[in-house]
Protein backbone atom coordinates (compact mmCIF):
# COMPACT_ATOMS: atom_id res chain seq x y z
CA MET A 1 0.02 0.30 0.08
CA ILE A 2 3.27 2.90 0.89
CA ARG A 3 4.59 2.21 -2.06
CA LEU A 4 0.51 2.57 -4.31
CA PHE A 5 1.02 6.01 -2.32
CA ARG A 6 4.68 6.81 -3.17
CA HIS A 7 4.01 6.21 -6.86
CA TYR A 8 1.70 9.42 -6.28
CA VAL A 9 2.80 10.89 -3.79
CA PRO A 10 6.98 11.67 -2.43
CA LEU A 11 7.84 9.80 0.30
CA PRO A 12 8.63 13.69 2.42
CA LEU A 13 4.57 14.70 1.15
CA LEU A 14 3.72 11.06 2.35
CA LEU A 15 4.45 11.67 5.32
CA LEU A 16 3.84 14.74 6.75
CA ALA A 17 0.44 13.77 5.45
CA LEU A 18 0.95 11.00 7.83
CA VAL A 19 1.72 13.35 10.61
CA GLU A 20 -1.54 16.43 9.59
CA MET A 21 -3.79 13.09 9.99
CA LEU A 22 -3.43 12.19 13.40
CA VAL A 23 -3.25 16.20 14.56
CA PHE A 24 -6.88 15.92 13.19
CA PHE A 25 -7.04 12.73 15.18
CA GLY A 26 -5.90 13.67 17.95
CA SER A 27 -7.27 16.90 17.59
CA ILE A 28 -10.80 15.99 18.40
CA PRO A 29 -10.31 14.29 21.86
CA PHE A 30 -7.33 16.96 23.16
CA GLY A 31 -10.99 19.19 22.73
CA LYS A 32 -13.07 16.98 24.26
CA PHE A 33 -10.93 16.29 27.19
CA VAL A 34 -9.64 20.14 27.67
CA ARG A 35 -13.06 21.44 27.81
CA SER A 36 -14.97 18.64 29.75
CA GLY A 37 -12.17 16.43 31.02
CA ILE A 38 -10.97 13.33 31.50
CA GLU A 39 -14.99 12.14 32.63
CA GLY A 40 -15.92 13.81 29.38
CA TRP A 41 -13.61 12.68 27.19
CA ALA A 42 -13.72 9.03 28.27
CA PHE A 43 -17.84 8.82 27.84
CA ASP A 44 -18.40 7.86 24.51
CA PRO A 45 -15.27 6.94 23.15
CA ILE A 46 -16.77 4.68 20.65
CA GLY A 47 -18.20 7.41 18.82
CA LEU A 48 -15.02 10.34 19.81
CA GLU A 49 -13.46 8.09 17.24
CA LEU A 50 -15.55 7.64 14.70
CA LYS A 51 -15.91 12.16 15.03
CA ALA A 52 -12.32 12.27 15.25
CA SER A 53 -12.02 9.93 11.94
CA LEU A 54 -14.53 11.88 9.89
CA PHE A 55 -12.92 15.25 10.85
CA ALA A 56 -9.53 14.65 10.15
CA ILE A 57 -10.58 12.80 6.57
CA VAL A 58 -12.41 15.72 5.59
CA MET A 59 -9.59 17.85 6.72
CA VAL A 60 -6.58 15.93 5.02
CA SER A 61 -8.57 15.71 1.48
CA VAL A 62 -9.13 19.53 1.37
CA MET A 63 -6.16 20.09 2.13
CA THR A 64 -5.50 17.89 -1.04
CA ALA A 65 -7.88 20.35 -2.82
CA MET A 66 -5.31 22.88 -2.37
CA GLY A 67 -2.48 21.41 -3.25
CA LEU A 68 -1.11 21.43 -0.07
CA TYR A 69 -0.14 17.80 -1.58
CA GLU A 70 1.76 18.55 -4.50
CA ARG A 71 4.96 18.05 -5.72
CA HIS A 72 6.08 22.25 -6.35
CA PHE A 73 3.78 22.91 -3.25
CA TRP A 74 7.03 23.83 -0.49
CA ASP A 75 8.37 26.51 -3.45
CA GLY A 76 6.82 29.54 -1.29
CA LYS A 77 6.17 29.59 2.29
CA ALA A 78 4.11 32.23 1.76
CA ASP A 79 1.80 31.64 -0.80
CA MET A 80 1.83 27.39 1.28
CA MET A 81 0.61 29.47 4.71
CA LEU A 82 -2.24 30.34 2.64
CA ARG A 83 -3.49 28.01 1.13
CA VAL A 84 -3.29 26.20 4.85
CA ALA A 85 -5.30 28.96 6.21
CA VAL A 86 -8.28 29.18 3.84
CA GLY A 87 -8.13 25.08 2.99
CA PHE A 88 -8.38 25.38 6.93
CA LEU A 89 -11.64 27.55 6.12
CA LEU A 90 -12.80 25.22 3.42
CA GLY A 91 -12.74 22.64 6.24
CA LEU A 92 -14.50 24.15 8.70
CA PHE A 93 -17.23 25.07 5.56
CA THR A 94 -17.58 21.16 5.10
CA ILE A 95 -18.18 19.72 8.15
CA THR A 96 -20.92 22.30 9.36
CA LEU A 97 -22.32 21.03 6.94
CA ILE A 98 -21.72 17.58 7.22
CA TYR A 99 -22.77 18.63 10.75
CA TYR A 100 -26.19 20.11 8.83
CA PHE A 101 -27.01 16.62 7.93
CA LEU A 102 -25.68 14.22 10.33
CA PRO A 103 -26.27 15.94 13.72
CA ASP A 104 -25.18 12.62 15.41
CA LEU A 105 -21.54 13.54 15.24
CA TYR A 106 -22.13 17.32 15.99
CA MET A 107 -19.87 18.67 18.69
CA GLY A 108 -20.70 20.62 20.97
CA ARG A 109 -18.52 24.45 20.08
CA GLY A 110 -16.25 24.67 22.41
CA GLU A 111 -14.64 21.53 22.40
CA PHE A 112 -14.82 21.55 18.21
CA GLY A 113 -13.12 25.73 18.83
CA ILE A 114 -10.63 24.02 21.17
CA ALA A 115 -9.76 21.02 18.64
CA PHE A 116 -10.07 23.02 15.26
CA ALA A 117 -7.62 26.06 17.14
CA ALA A 118 -5.29 23.37 18.49
CA SER A 119 -4.65 21.55 14.92
CA PHE A 120 -4.62 24.58 13.05
CA VAL A 121 -1.60 25.29 15.14
CA CYS A 122 -0.17 21.86 14.67
CA VAL A 123 -0.72 21.79 10.95
CA VAL A 124 1.37 25.18 11.20
CA VAL A 125 4.56 24.18 12.96
CA ALA A 126 4.70 20.64 11.57
CA ARG A 127 4.77 22.33 7.97
CA TYR A 128 7.26 24.89 8.97
CA ALA A 129 9.46 21.93 10.53
CA PHE A 130 9.17 20.20 6.99
CA PHE A 131 10.55 23.02 5.70
CA ARG A 132 13.93 22.93 7.89
CA LEU A 133 14.00 19.33 6.53
CA SER A 134 12.46 18.98 3.58
CA ASP A 135 15.88 18.77 2.06
CA HIS A 136 17.52 16.75 5.10
CA GLU A 137 19.07 13.85 3.56
CA ALA A 138 17.79 11.72 5.93
CA LEU A 139 13.80 12.35 4.47
CA LYS A 140 15.48 11.04 0.90
CA ARG A 141 16.34 8.22 -1.24
CA ARG A 142 20.04 7.52 -1.45
CA VAL A 143 20.41 7.35 -5.45
CA LEU A 144 23.16 5.43 -7.37
CA VAL A 145 23.79 6.08 -11.32
CA LEU A 146 25.40 3.49 -13.22
CA GLY A 147 26.83 5.98 -16.40
CA THR A 148 28.12 9.35 -17.43
CA GLY A 149 26.78 9.39 -20.92
CA TYR A 150 23.76 11.06 -22.05
CA LYS A 151 21.55 9.66 -19.83
CA ALA A 152 22.99 10.08 -16.60
CA HIS A 153 22.83 13.31 -17.81
CA GLN A 154 19.31 13.33 -17.81
CA VAL A 155 19.03 12.43 -14.04
CA GLU A 156 21.44 14.98 -13.51
CA GLN A 157 19.04 17.72 -15.26
CA LEU A 158 16.27 15.57 -13.00
CA ALA A 159 17.92 15.67 -9.91
CA SER A 160 18.55 19.39 -9.95
CA GLY A 161 15.09 20.90 -10.77
CA SER A 162 12.50 20.78 -8.62
CA HIS A 163 11.67 16.81 -9.13
CA GLY A 164 14.66 16.54 -7.76
CA ARG A 165 13.59 16.95 -3.70
CA GLY A 166 12.53 13.40 -3.08
CA PHE A 167 16.15 11.71 -3.32
CA ALA A 168 19.79 12.10 -2.77
CA LEU A 169 22.18 12.03 -6.39
CA ILE A 170 25.47 10.29 -4.16
CA GLY A 171 26.99 9.84 -7.97
CA PHE A 172 27.51 7.97 -11.53
CA VAL A 173 30.07 4.88 -12.30
CA ARG A 174 31.87 5.44 -15.44
CA MET A 175 31.66 1.36 -16.46
CA ASN A 176 34.51 1.40 -18.91
CA GLU A 177 37.15 4.02 -19.59
CA ALA A 178 36.36 4.69 -23.02
CA ASP A 179 32.51 5.92 -21.83
CA ASP A 180 32.29 9.91 -22.16
CA ILE A 181 31.79 11.54 -19.26
CA ILE A 182 28.96 14.38 -19.76
CA VAL A 183 27.93 14.62 -16.27
CA ASP A 184 29.39 16.55 -13.31
CA ALA A 185 32.70 14.83 -13.25
CA ALA A 186 33.82 14.77 -9.59
CA ARG A 187 30.90 13.28 -9.26
CA VAL A 188 32.31 10.23 -10.87
CA LEU A 189 33.80 7.27 -10.23
CA PRO A 190 36.52 5.17 -12.35
CA ALA A 191 35.32 1.84 -13.42
CA GLY A 192 35.58 -1.33 -11.49
CA THR A 193 33.97 0.40 -8.75
CA LEU A 194 33.03 -3.08 -6.26
CA LEU A 195 29.33 -1.65 -6.34
CA ARG A 196 27.97 -4.17 -3.16
CA ARG A 197 30.73 -3.03 -1.35
CA TYR A 198 30.05 1.26 -2.22
CA THR A 199 26.35 0.92 -1.35
CA GLU A 200 26.58 -0.71 2.06
CA HIS A 201 29.91 1.82 2.52
CA GLU A 202 27.26 4.75 1.10
CA ARG A 203 24.22 3.97 2.37
CA ILE A 204 22.75 3.88 -1.19
CA ASP A 205 19.61 3.03 -1.19
CA GLU A 206 18.62 2.99 -5.20
CA ILE A 207 20.43 1.28 -8.28
CA VAL A 208 19.77 3.77 -11.60
CA VAL A 209 20.88 1.86 -14.54
CA ALA A 210 21.45 4.47 -17.39
CA MET A 211 23.91 3.64 -19.16
CA ASP A 212 23.42 4.80 -23.11
CA ASP A 213 24.79 1.52 -24.03
CA ARG A 214 24.20 -1.45 -22.09
CA ARG A 215 25.82 -4.17 -24.30
CA ARG A 216 29.60 -2.87 -22.79
CA GLY A 217 30.63 -4.48 -19.71
CA PHE A 218 27.18 -4.20 -18.32
CA PRO A 219 27.58 -5.40 -14.92
CA VAL A 220 24.58 -8.34 -14.12
CA ASP A 221 26.90 -10.06 -11.53
CA ASP A 222 27.68 -6.91 -9.36
CA ILE A 223 23.99 -5.59 -10.00
CA LEU A 224 22.00 -9.07 -9.38
CA ASP A 225 24.20 -8.40 -5.94
CA CYS A 226 23.15 -5.68 -4.98
CA LYS A 227 19.36 -6.27 -5.48
CA ILE A 228 19.48 -9.89 -3.22
CA ASN A 229 21.18 -7.21 -0.55
CA GLY A 230 17.59 -4.99 -0.54
CA VAL A 231 18.55 -2.31 -3.10
CA THR A 232 16.59 -1.17 -5.57
CA VAL A 233 17.39 -1.36 -9.32
CA SER A 234 15.31 0.35 -11.58
CA ASP A 235 16.20 1.61 -15.55
CA LEU A 236 15.48 4.95 -15.99
CA ALA A 237 12.31 5.20 -17.67
CA THR A 238 11.14 4.06 -14.99
CA PHE A 239 12.66 5.57 -12.36
CA PHE A 240 11.85 9.16 -14.52
CA GLU A 241 8.35 7.87 -13.93
CA ARG A 242 8.15 7.20 -11.02
CA GLU A 243 10.16 10.70 -9.93
CA SER A 244 8.61 13.89 -12.27
CA GLY A 245 4.93 11.81 -12.48
CA LYS A 246 5.71 11.29 -16.86
CA ILE A 247 6.15 9.07 -19.41
CA ARG A 248 9.66 10.60 -21.58
CA LEU A 249 9.16 9.53 -25.10
CA ASP A 250 12.10 10.00 -25.35
CA ALA A 251 12.54 6.54 -23.61
CA LEU A 252 8.95 4.97 -24.08
CA HIS A 253 10.15 1.57 -26.44
CA PRO A 254 6.60 -0.56 -27.64
CA SER A 255 8.36 -3.51 -25.52
CA SER A 256 8.50 -1.70 -22.87
CA MET A 257 4.69 -0.98 -23.46
CA ILE A 258 3.99 -4.57 -23.76
CA PHE A 259 5.85 -6.12 -21.07
CA SER A 260 5.58 -3.47 -18.71
CA ASP A 261 2.37 -3.82 -15.50
CA GLY A 262 0.40 -1.14 -16.94
CA PHE A 263 -0.91 0.44 -20.03
CA HIS A 264 -3.84 -2.44 -19.08
CA GLN A 265 -7.74 -1.67 -19.15
CA ALA A 266 -9.16 -4.78 -16.99
CA ALA A 267 -13.38 -4.50 -17.25
CA LEU A 268 -13.67 -4.20 -13.45
CA LYS A 269 -11.42 -1.53 -13.89
CA SER A 270 -13.35 0.11 -17.50
CA PHE A 271 -17.06 -1.02 -15.44
CA SER A 272 -15.93 0.83 -11.63
CA LYS A 273 -14.58 3.55 -13.41
CA ARG A 274 -18.32 3.94 -16.14
CA CYS A 275 -20.52 3.89 -12.78
CA PHE A 276 -17.61 6.09 -10.94
CA ASP A 277 -18.27 8.60 -13.35
CA ILE A 278 -22.03 8.73 -13.59
CA ILE A 279 -22.93 8.66 -10.28
CA ALA A 280 -20.34 12.23 -9.38
CA SER A 281 -21.80 13.35 -12.64
CA LEU A 282 -25.57 12.60 -11.22
CA LEU A 283 -23.88 14.48 -8.18
CA LEU A 284 -22.28 17.41 -9.15
CA LEU A 285 -24.72 18.51 -11.78
CA GLY A 286 -27.40 18.31 -8.72
CA LEU A 287 -24.82 20.97 -6.95
CA THR A 288 -23.97 22.99 -9.55
CA TRP A 289 -27.80 24.33 -11.65
CA PRO A 290 -28.60 26.96 -9.92
CA VAL A 291 -24.16 28.05 -11.37
CA MET A 292 -25.25 26.34 -14.81
CA LEU A 293 -28.80 28.77 -14.50
CA ALA A 294 -26.07 31.69 -13.67
CA THR A 295 -23.95 31.59 -16.45
CA ALA A 296 -26.50 31.03 -19.03
CA ILE A 297 -28.63 34.00 -17.91
CA ALA A 298 -24.91 35.67 -17.88
CA ILE A 299 -23.70 34.38 -21.76
CA TRP A 300 -27.41 35.20 -22.61
CA TRP A 301 -27.13 38.79 -21.24
CA GLU A 302 -23.47 40.08 -22.78
CA SER A 303 -24.70 38.55 -25.95
CA ASN A 304 -27.48 41.28 -25.92
CA ARG A 305 -29.95 38.45 -25.54
CA ASN A 306 -30.02 36.80 -28.70
CA GLY A 307 -26.36 34.87 -29.13
CA PRO A 308 -26.28 31.17 -28.29
CA ILE A 309 -25.46 30.09 -24.58
CA PHE A 310 -23.70 27.15 -25.40
CA TYR A 311 -20.86 25.90 -27.96
CA LYS A 312 -20.27 22.86 -29.20
CA GLN A 313 -17.41 21.28 -31.01
CA ALA A 314 -15.89 18.01 -32.79
CA ARG A 315 -13.74 17.13 -30.39
CA VAL A 316 -11.81 12.88 -30.76
CA GLY A 317 -12.59 10.75 -28.83
CA ARG A 318 -11.99 7.19 -27.13
CA ASN A 319 -11.39 5.21 -30.74
CA ASP A 320 -10.98 8.08 -32.98
CA ARG A 321 -14.85 8.55 -33.01
CA VAL A 322 -15.15 12.03 -33.25
CA PHE A 323 -18.03 13.63 -30.66
CA ASP A 324 -19.05 16.75 -29.68
CA VAL A 325 -18.25 18.42 -26.84
CA LEU A 326 -20.09 20.54 -24.86
CA LYS A 327 -19.91 24.00 -23.49
CA PHE A 328 -20.61 26.80 -22.25
CA ARG A 329 -19.63 29.81 -25.07
CA SER A 330 -16.48 32.19 -23.81
CA MET A 331 -15.92 33.41 -27.18
CA ARG A 332 -16.92 35.64 -29.89
CA THR A 333 -19.31 34.06 -32.20
CA ASP A 334 -16.99 35.37 -34.79
CA ALA A 335 -14.55 33.48 -32.58
CA GLU A 336 -13.13 31.22 -35.80
CA GLN A 337 -15.05 33.54 -39.41
CA ASN A 338 -12.36 31.61 -41.49
CA GLY A 339 -13.49 28.15 -40.33
CA ILE A 340 -9.57 27.47 -39.67
CA ALA A 341 -9.38 26.29 -35.93
CA GLN A 342 -6.93 27.96 -34.05
CA TRP A 343 -4.85 27.53 -30.42
CA ALA A 344 -6.44 29.42 -27.67
CA GLN A 345 -3.83 31.92 -26.77
CA LYS A 346 -2.64 33.85 -23.23
CA ASN A 347 -5.13 37.26 -23.38
CA ASP A 348 -6.98 35.99 -26.40
CA SER A 349 -9.31 38.85 -28.21
CA ARG A 350 -12.08 36.73 -28.50
CA ILE A 351 -12.03 35.75 -25.28
CA THR A 352 -16.03 37.78 -23.76
CA ARG A 353 -15.62 39.05 -20.34
CA VAL A 354 -18.59 36.42 -19.07
CA GLY A 355 -16.08 34.12 -21.52
CA ALA A 356 -12.77 35.29 -19.29
CA PHE A 357 -14.64 34.60 -16.24
CA ILE A 358 -15.80 31.88 -16.51
CA ARG A 359 -12.70 30.02 -19.02
CA LYS A 360 -11.16 31.11 -14.97
CA THR A 361 -12.91 29.56 -12.60
CA ARG A 362 -13.60 26.04 -14.83
CA ILE A 363 -17.26 26.57 -14.93
CA ASP A 364 -17.94 26.56 -19.05
CA GLU A 365 -16.59 23.18 -18.63
CA LEU A 366 -19.48 22.05 -16.59
CA PRO A 367 -22.23 21.03 -19.74
CA GLN A 368 -19.50 18.35 -20.73
CA LEU A 369 -20.92 16.30 -18.05
CA PHE A 370 -23.70 15.84 -20.18
CA ASN A 371 -20.87 14.45 -22.28
CA VAL A 372 -20.22 11.91 -19.46
CA LEU A 373 -23.21 10.64 -18.70
CA ARG A 374 -23.73 9.80 -22.52
CA GLY A 375 -20.34 7.75 -22.26
CA GLU A 376 -18.27 9.41 -24.46
CA MET A 377 -16.17 11.41 -21.97
CA SER A 378 -14.90 10.75 -17.99
CA PHE A 379 -14.65 12.56 -15.34
CA VAL A 380 -11.11 12.15 -15.31
CA GLY A 381 -8.89 11.29 -18.58
CA PRO A 382 -6.87 13.20 -21.92
CA ARG A 383 -8.10 15.99 -22.42
CA PRO A 384 -10.38 15.91 -26.38
CA GLU A 385 -8.42 17.43 -28.99
CA ARG A 386 -9.74 18.39 -31.94
CA PRO A 387 -10.02 16.70 -35.06
CA GLN A 388 -7.71 19.51 -37.09
CA PHE A 389 -5.07 19.57 -34.61
CA VAL A 390 -5.20 14.80 -34.09
CA SER A 391 -4.31 14.82 -37.69
CA MET A 392 -1.53 17.27 -37.14
CA LEU A 393 -0.08 15.92 -33.53
CA GLU A 394 -0.29 12.37 -35.06
CA GLN A 395 2.07 13.13 -37.85
CA THR A 396 4.87 14.30 -35.64
CA ILE A 397 4.77 13.05 -32.56
CA PRO A 398 5.25 9.18 -31.82
CA TYR A 399 2.39 7.35 -29.34
CA TYR A 400 0.18 10.70 -29.70
CA SER A 401 -2.28 7.84 -31.19
CA MET A 402 -1.97 5.83 -28.03
CA ARG A 403 -4.23 9.08 -25.60
CA HIS A 404 -7.77 7.66 -27.66
CA ARG A 405 -7.57 4.24 -26.53
CA VAL A 406 -9.62 5.47 -23.22
CA ASN A 407 -12.04 7.94 -22.97
CA PRO A 408 -11.12 11.55 -22.69
CA GLY A 409 -11.73 13.39 -19.93
CA ILE A 410 -13.68 16.93 -18.37
CA THR A 411 -10.00 16.93 -16.32
CA GLY A 412 -6.57 15.09 -15.88
CA TRP A 413 -3.63 14.44 -14.93
CA ALA A 414 -1.41 16.52 -17.34
CA GLN A 415 -4.33 19.11 -15.74
CA ILE A 416 -3.32 19.69 -12.75
CA CYS A 417 0.48 18.68 -13.87
CA TYR A 418 1.28 20.85 -16.32
CA PRO A 419 -0.40 24.61 -17.14
CA TYR A 420 -2.63 25.29 -19.90
CA GLY A 421 -0.87 24.28 -23.51
CA ALA A 422 -1.82 25.92 -26.87
CA SER A 423 1.57 24.70 -29.09
CA GLU A 424 2.55 22.04 -30.47
CA GLU A 425 5.46 21.46 -27.95
CA ASP A 426 2.67 21.84 -25.36
CA ALA A 427 0.92 18.73 -27.06
CA ARG A 428 4.32 16.82 -26.42
CA GLU A 429 5.24 17.71 -22.76
CA LYS A 430 1.06 16.75 -22.13
CA LEU A 431 1.20 13.98 -23.43
CA GLN A 432 3.70 12.53 -20.95
CA TYR A 433 1.17 12.83 -18.42
CA ASP A 434 -0.71 11.68 -20.31
CA LEU A 435 0.89 8.46 -21.28
CA TYR A 436 2.18 7.97 -17.37
CA TYR A 437 -2.41 8.23 -16.55
CA ILE A 438 -3.42 5.78 -19.68
CA LYS A 439 -0.56 3.24 -18.06
CA ASN A 440 -1.22 3.41 -14.14
CA TYR A 441 -4.98 4.80 -13.94
CA SER A 442 -6.92 3.78 -10.97
CA LEU A 443 -9.81 5.32 -8.86
CA PHE A 444 -7.04 7.14 -7.00
CA LEU A 445 -5.67 8.45 -8.55
CA ASP A 446 -9.44 9.47 -9.80
CA PHE A 447 -9.89 10.49 -6.55
CA MET A 448 -5.94 12.44 -6.88
CA VAL A 449 -6.78 13.98 -9.49
CA LEU A 450 -9.91 15.73 -9.30
CA LEU A 451 -8.78 16.86 -5.71
CA GLN A 452 -6.22 18.31 -7.47
CA THR A 453 -8.96 19.84 -9.86
CA ALA A 454 -10.09 21.83 -6.93
CA HIS A 455 -6.97 23.24 -6.39
CA VAL A 456 -6.66 24.53 -9.94
CA ILE A 457 -9.88 25.86 -9.94
CA LEU A 458 -9.37 27.74 -6.59
CA TRP A 459 -5.83 28.92 -7.36
CA GLY A 460 -6.72 29.83 -11.07
CA LYS A 461 -3.43 27.80 -11.81
CA GLY A 462 -3.47 27.27 -16.06
CA ALA A 463 -6.41 28.94 -16.24
CA ARG A 464 -6.78 31.49 -19.35
């Protein structure tokens, strides 16, 4: 189970989430004890555990929706603390609603107030401590790279960026004297290094095989000896996928897809995803119909009461089937007078005033819930693209057609991991995230994407 979670959430963030879960859970009995003493705390221990579990689940879910367990959240302390404060306000609102509909779970205002304040203080302290310790070597996996060439340099680049916070790059092993050295020469170990002895001495957790040519002196026996001794051995593609949350196109080969444990669309997975889509769509329609009605009136009024409210556009769906995606109209009616498809641009002059707001808040996407109910789309999946762009991108980007093996989605892994894209290079980058999602799909990953989509909507990240 820990490996499953670590696949989507880096280990330091997973530890932080577990600590905060315990904080939220423990704050409820703490508030009860401070307010009522030991007699009040022991009066209803089973009910108290249920209330504590509910509070912990709600608060951690809200914190996730605020993006506080994302890979890049620690890039700014002030922004993080602001999100914590807003997250607690949203959590308070959510808990209040739950108490209204489930009064049996209600806690006294004094008890809950103490618990809420205590949890806030503890979370702020935990976050501050995490900032101080997040770069500590004890929280990072110690990684040794086999190779010194181009592939090894990719690991070096990964370590120097934001994706490199989860591991410490200890060094590179030169397998042959004739191998090129593209990486930092100061960290290169000489050819003939005894891997077993070095990994024990340096407490290496993982060996990444990043040799440009494995036919030249691949140390099979030494690698096997290290693996049996408890050291994880990964190839470059697997390592990069886990650390960055995407699959590199230049490291992808048909054989790796055929023999990998992903890219498998089992019948049970498809059925469970469809059930999830139907239930979630109906619930969201029930919650957002007032917003949709207000949006329709605003668009109608802005267009002088005679323009179309909805906008239909042909998109490519599963198995290359073309369907009409339904959205609230956010551009002028003459946005494409010449009939030629155009990429949406930043500060696009074709966007109306109402359109700018509904695009930023993603309200324009709400009518796609009907596409989901019809089975043309899913809640989570690769974003559907226009046929004109698909024809062009399939000719220039390898494996682009693979994103059409699943239902497109209202939101997706690429949408929360990469900013709004409007070019061929952006499409190539997003495809790497889409392939990661297709390979590693699970309901848990869908749940993570939906929670973090809420964070994107609340903070306008990537919206244009």
